[in-house]
């Protein structure tokens, strides 16, 4: 069983910053490998925002490059993943989801909303 607990969402004016956190905990049964953040805006599909692969490589969607930074801390089955979001724009409004992979299974958090009012 893998549990993900997200926090840090909220409403921020355009140009502002937020930092999302995701605490990941898992029981014995395999280590957590890749982690990431996805987002889903109202009426749109869920898309990758940023991810850290098993080998440490980091990937960002083109829309957030230079503005968002993903980092992780911890080992094996207890990790924390952060998403630092700077220069937020109205189009960043969405529910953000943390993900963690273990084996061939991807686990999802419950989501945390981010709103950048127009």
C-alpha atoms as a PDB file:
ATOM      1  CA  UNK A   1       0.000   0.000   0.000  1.00  0.00           C
ATOM      2  CA  UNK A   2       1.281   3.448  -0.941  1.00  0.00           C
ATOM      3  CA  UNK A   3      -0.153   6.640   0.505  1.00  0.00           C
ATOM      4  CA  UNK A   4       0.328  10.140  -0.870  1.00  0.00           C
ATOM      5  CA  UNK A   5      -0.647  13.266   1.034  1.00  0.00           C
ATOM      6  CA  UNK A   6      -0.553  16.561  -0.854  1.00  0.00           C
ATOM      7  CA  UNK A   7      -0.643  20.057   0.587  1.00  0.00           C
ATOM      8  CA  UNK A   8       0.155  23.627  -0.365  1.00  0.00           C
ATOM      9  CA  UNK A   9      -2.538  24.467  -2.872  1.00  0.00           C
ATOM     10  CA  UNK A  10      -4.537  27.664  -2.734  1.00  0.00           C
ATOM     11  CA  UNK A  11      -5.353  30.894  -4.511  1.00  0.00           C
ATOM     12  CA  UNK A  12      -2.592  33.261  -5.565  1.00  0.00           C
ATOM     13  CA  UNK A  13      -2.595  36.306  -7.872  1.00  0.00           C
ATOM     14  CA  UNK A  14      -0.909  36.130 -11.230  1.00  0.00           C
ATOM     15  CA  UNK A  15       2.841  36.401 -10.869  1.00  0.00           C
ATOM     16  CA  UNK A  16       2.806  34.856  -7.424  1.00  0.00           C
ATOM     17  CA  UNK A  17       4.326  31.646  -6.101  1.00  0.00           C
ATOM     18  CA  UNK A  18       3.187  28.480  -4.365  1.00  0.00           C
ATOM     19  CA  UNK A  19       4.979  25.383  -3.176  1.00  0.00           C
ATOM     20  CA  UNK A  20       3.167  22.062  -3.246  1.00  0.00           C
ATOM     21  CA  UNK A  21       4.270  19.207  -1.018  1.00  0.00           C
ATOM     22  CA  UNK A  22       3.599  15.500  -1.271  1.00  0.00           C
ATOM     23  CA  UNK A  23       4.437  13.084   1.513  1.00  0.00           C
ATOM     24  CA  UNK A  24       4.776   9.542   0.222  1.00  0.00           C
ATOM     25  CA  UNK A  25       4.770   6.514   2.480  1.00  0.00           C
ATOM     26  CA  UNK A  26       4.655   2.854   1.570  1.00  0.00           C
ATOM     27  CA  UNK A  27       4.676  -0.456   3.335  1.00  0.00           C
ATOM     28  CA  UNK A  28       7.142  -3.230   2.594  1.00  0.00           C
ATOM     29  CA  UNK A  29       6.666  -4.523  -0.900  1.00  0.00           C
ATOM     30  CA  UNK A  30       8.930  -2.624  -3.204  1.00  0.00           C
ATOM     31  CA  UNK A  31      10.549   0.770  -3.301  1.00  0.00           C
ATOM     32  CA  UNK A  32       9.138   3.962  -4.697  1.00  0.00           C
ATOM     33  CA  UNK A  33      10.876   4.793  -7.963  1.00  0.00           C
ATOM     34  CA  UNK A  34       9.602   7.592 -10.165  1.00  0.00           C
ATOM     35  CA  UNK A  35       7.596  10.479  -8.737  1.00  0.00           C
ATOM     36  CA  UNK A  36       5.820  13.363 -10.355  1.00  0.00           C
ATOM     37  CA  UNK A  37       3.103  15.989 -10.499  1.00  0.00           C
ATOM     38  CA  UNK A  38       0.176  16.086 -12.886  1.00  0.00           C
ATOM     39  CA  UNK A  39      -2.570  18.642 -13.219  1.00  0.00           C
ATOM     40  CA  UNK A  40      -6.094  18.749 -14.551  1.00  0.00           C
ATOM     41  CA  UNK A  41      -7.867  21.944 -15.436  1.00  0.00           C
ATOM     42  CA  UNK A  42     -11.683  22.025 -15.579  1.00  0.00           C
ATOM     43  CA  UNK A  43     -12.912  20.298 -18.718  1.00  0.00           C
ATOM     44  CA  UNK A  44      -9.454  19.197 -19.782  1.00  0.00           C
ATOM     45  CA  UNK A  45      -7.398  16.030 -19.587  1.00  0.00           C
ATOM     46  CA  UNK A  46      -4.864  15.316 -16.885  1.00  0.00           C
ATOM     47  CA  UNK A  47      -1.353  16.176 -18.035  1.00  0.00           C
ATOM     48  CA  UNK A  48       2.169  15.735 -16.704  1.00  0.00           C
ATOM     49  CA  UNK A  49       3.649  18.856 -15.158  1.00  0.00           C
ATOM     50  CA  UNK A  50       6.984  17.546 -13.900  1.00  0.00           C
ATOM     51  CA  UNK A  51       8.541  14.230 -13.012  1.00  0.00           C
ATOM     52  CA  UNK A  52      11.675  12.650 -11.607  1.00  0.00           C
ATOM     53  CA  UNK A  53      12.608   9.304 -13.108  1.00  0.00           C
ATOM     54  CA  UNK A  54      14.232   6.404 -11.315  1.00  0.00           C
ATOM     55  CA  UNK A  55      17.657   7.466 -12.584  1.00  0.00           C
ATOM     56  CA  UNK A  56      17.129  11.014 -11.342  1.00  0.00           C
ATOM     57  CA  UNK A  57      16.379  12.590 -14.685  1.00  0.00           C
ATOM     58  CA  UNK A  58      13.892  15.433 -14.450  1.00  0.00           C
ATOM     59  CA  UNK A  59      11.274  16.279 -17.043  1.00  0.00           C
ATOM     60  CA  UNK A  60       9.017  19.310 -17.310  1.00  0.00           C
ATOM     61  CA  UNK A  61       6.157  20.137 -19.596  1.00  0.00           C
ATOM     62  CA  UNK A  62       7.014  22.949 -21.986  1.00  0.00           C
ATOM     63  CA  UNK A  63       4.413  25.213 -20.402  1.00  0.00           C
ATOM     64  CA  UNK A  64       6.146  25.261 -17.014  1.00  0.00           C
ATOM     65  CA  UNK A  65       9.826  25.128 -17.936  1.00  0.00           C
ATOM     66  CA  UNK A  66      11.727  27.909 -16.223  1.00  0.00           C
ATOM     67  CA  UNK A  67       8.880  28.586 -13.773  1.00  0.00           C
ATOM     68  CA  UNK A  68       8.359  25.306 -11.880  1.00  0.00           C
ATOM     69  CA  UNK A  69      10.906  23.155 -10.074  1.00  0.00           C
ATOM     70  CA  UNK A  70      10.382  19.611  -8.819  1.00  0.00           C
ATOM     71  CA  UNK A  71      12.547  18.174  -6.058  1.00  0.00           C
ATOM     72  CA  UNK A  72      12.452  15.090  -3.894  1.00  0.00           C
ATOM     73  CA  UNK A  73      13.940  13.982  -0.590  1.00  0.00           C
ATOM     74  CA  UNK A  74      14.041  10.692   1.246  1.00  0.00           C
ATOM     75  CA  UNK A  75      14.732   7.130   0.263  1.00  0.00           C
ATOM     76  CA  UNK A  76      12.911   3.976  -0.601  1.00  0.00           C
ATOM     77  CA  UNK A  77       9.464   3.964   0.949  1.00  0.00           C
ATOM     78  CA  UNK A  78       9.394   7.334   2.677  1.00  0.00           C
ATOM     79  CA  UNK A  79       9.836  10.364   0.450  1.00  0.00           C
ATOM     80  CA  UNK A  80       8.698  13.918   0.065  1.00  0.00           C
ATOM     81  CA  UNK A  81       8.242  15.579  -3.296  1.00  0.00           C
ATOM     82  CA  UNK A  82       7.888  19.318  -3.769  1.00  0.00           C
ATOM     83  CA  UNK A  83       6.767  21.427  -6.676  1.00  0.00           C
ATOM     84  CA  UNK A  84       7.915  25.035  -6.456  1.00  0.00           C
ATOM     85  CA  UNK A  85       5.763  27.151  -8.746  1.00  0.00           C
ATOM     86  CA  UNK A  86       6.848  30.695  -9.581  1.00  0.00           C
ATOM     87  CA  UNK A  87       5.394  33.342 -11.848  1.00  0.00           C
ATOM     88  CA  UNK A  88       2.014  31.638 -11.795  1.00  0.00           C
ATOM     89  CA  UNK A  89      -0.361  32.438 -14.610  1.00  0.00           C
ATOM     90  CA  UNK A  90      -4.129  32.210 -14.999  1.00  0.00           C
ATOM     91  CA  UNK A  91      -3.698  29.165 -17.239  1.00  0.00           C
ATOM     92  CA  UNK A  92      -2.021  27.313 -14.356  1.00  0.00           C
ATOM     93  CA  UNK A  93      -5.372  27.063 -12.571  1.00  0.00           C
ATOM     94  CA  UNK A  94      -5.974  23.340 -12.028  1.00  0.00           C
ATOM     95  CA  UNK A  95      -6.073  20.534  -9.524  1.00  0.00           C
ATOM     96  CA  UNK A  96      -2.563  19.198  -9.010  1.00  0.00           C
ATOM     97  CA  UNK A  97      -1.957  15.515  -8.305  1.00  0.00           C
ATOM     98  CA  UNK A  98       1.143  13.863  -6.909  1.00  0.00           C
ATOM     99  CA  UNK A  99       2.123  10.451  -8.280  1.00  0.00           C
ATOM    100  CA  UNK A 100       4.487   7.714  -7.199  1.00  0.00           C
ATOM    101  CA  UNK A 101       5.452   4.564  -9.027  1.00  0.00           C
ATOM    102  CA  UNK A 102       6.219   1.240  -7.452  1.00  0.00           C
ATOM    103  CA  UNK A 103       6.832  -1.629  -9.790  1.00  0.00           C
ATOM    104  CA  UNK A 104       4.316  -1.348 -12.596  1.00  0.00           C
ATOM    105  CA  UNK A 105       1.759   0.465 -10.463  1.00  0.00           C
ATOM    106  CA  UNK A 106       1.287   4.233 -10.298  1.00  0.00           C
ATOM    107  CA  UNK A 107      -0.338   5.660  -7.208  1.00  0.00           C
ATOM    108  CA  UNK A 108      -2.143   8.988  -7.057  1.00  0.00           C
ATOM    109  CA  UNK A 109      -2.812  11.540  -4.367  1.00  0.00           C
ATOM    110  CA  UNK A 110      -6.218  13.072  -3.795  1.00  0.00           C
ATOM    111  CA  UNK A 111      -5.293  16.334  -5.509  1.00  0.00           C
ATOM    112  CA  UNK A 112      -4.798  19.872  -4.286  1.00  0.00           C
ATOM    113  CA  UNK A 113      -6.401  22.840  -6.084  1.00  0.00           C
ATOM    114  CA  UNK A 114      -4.413  25.803  -7.361  1.00  0.00           C
ATOM    115  CA  UNK A 115      -6.294  28.905  -8.475  1.00  0.00           C
ATOM    116  CA  UNK A 116      -4.842  31.933 -10.193  1.00  0.00           C
ATOM    117  CA  UNK A 117      -7.772  34.361 -10.524  1.00  0.00           C
ATOM    118  CA  UNK A 118      -8.316  36.361 -13.693  1.00  0.00           C
END
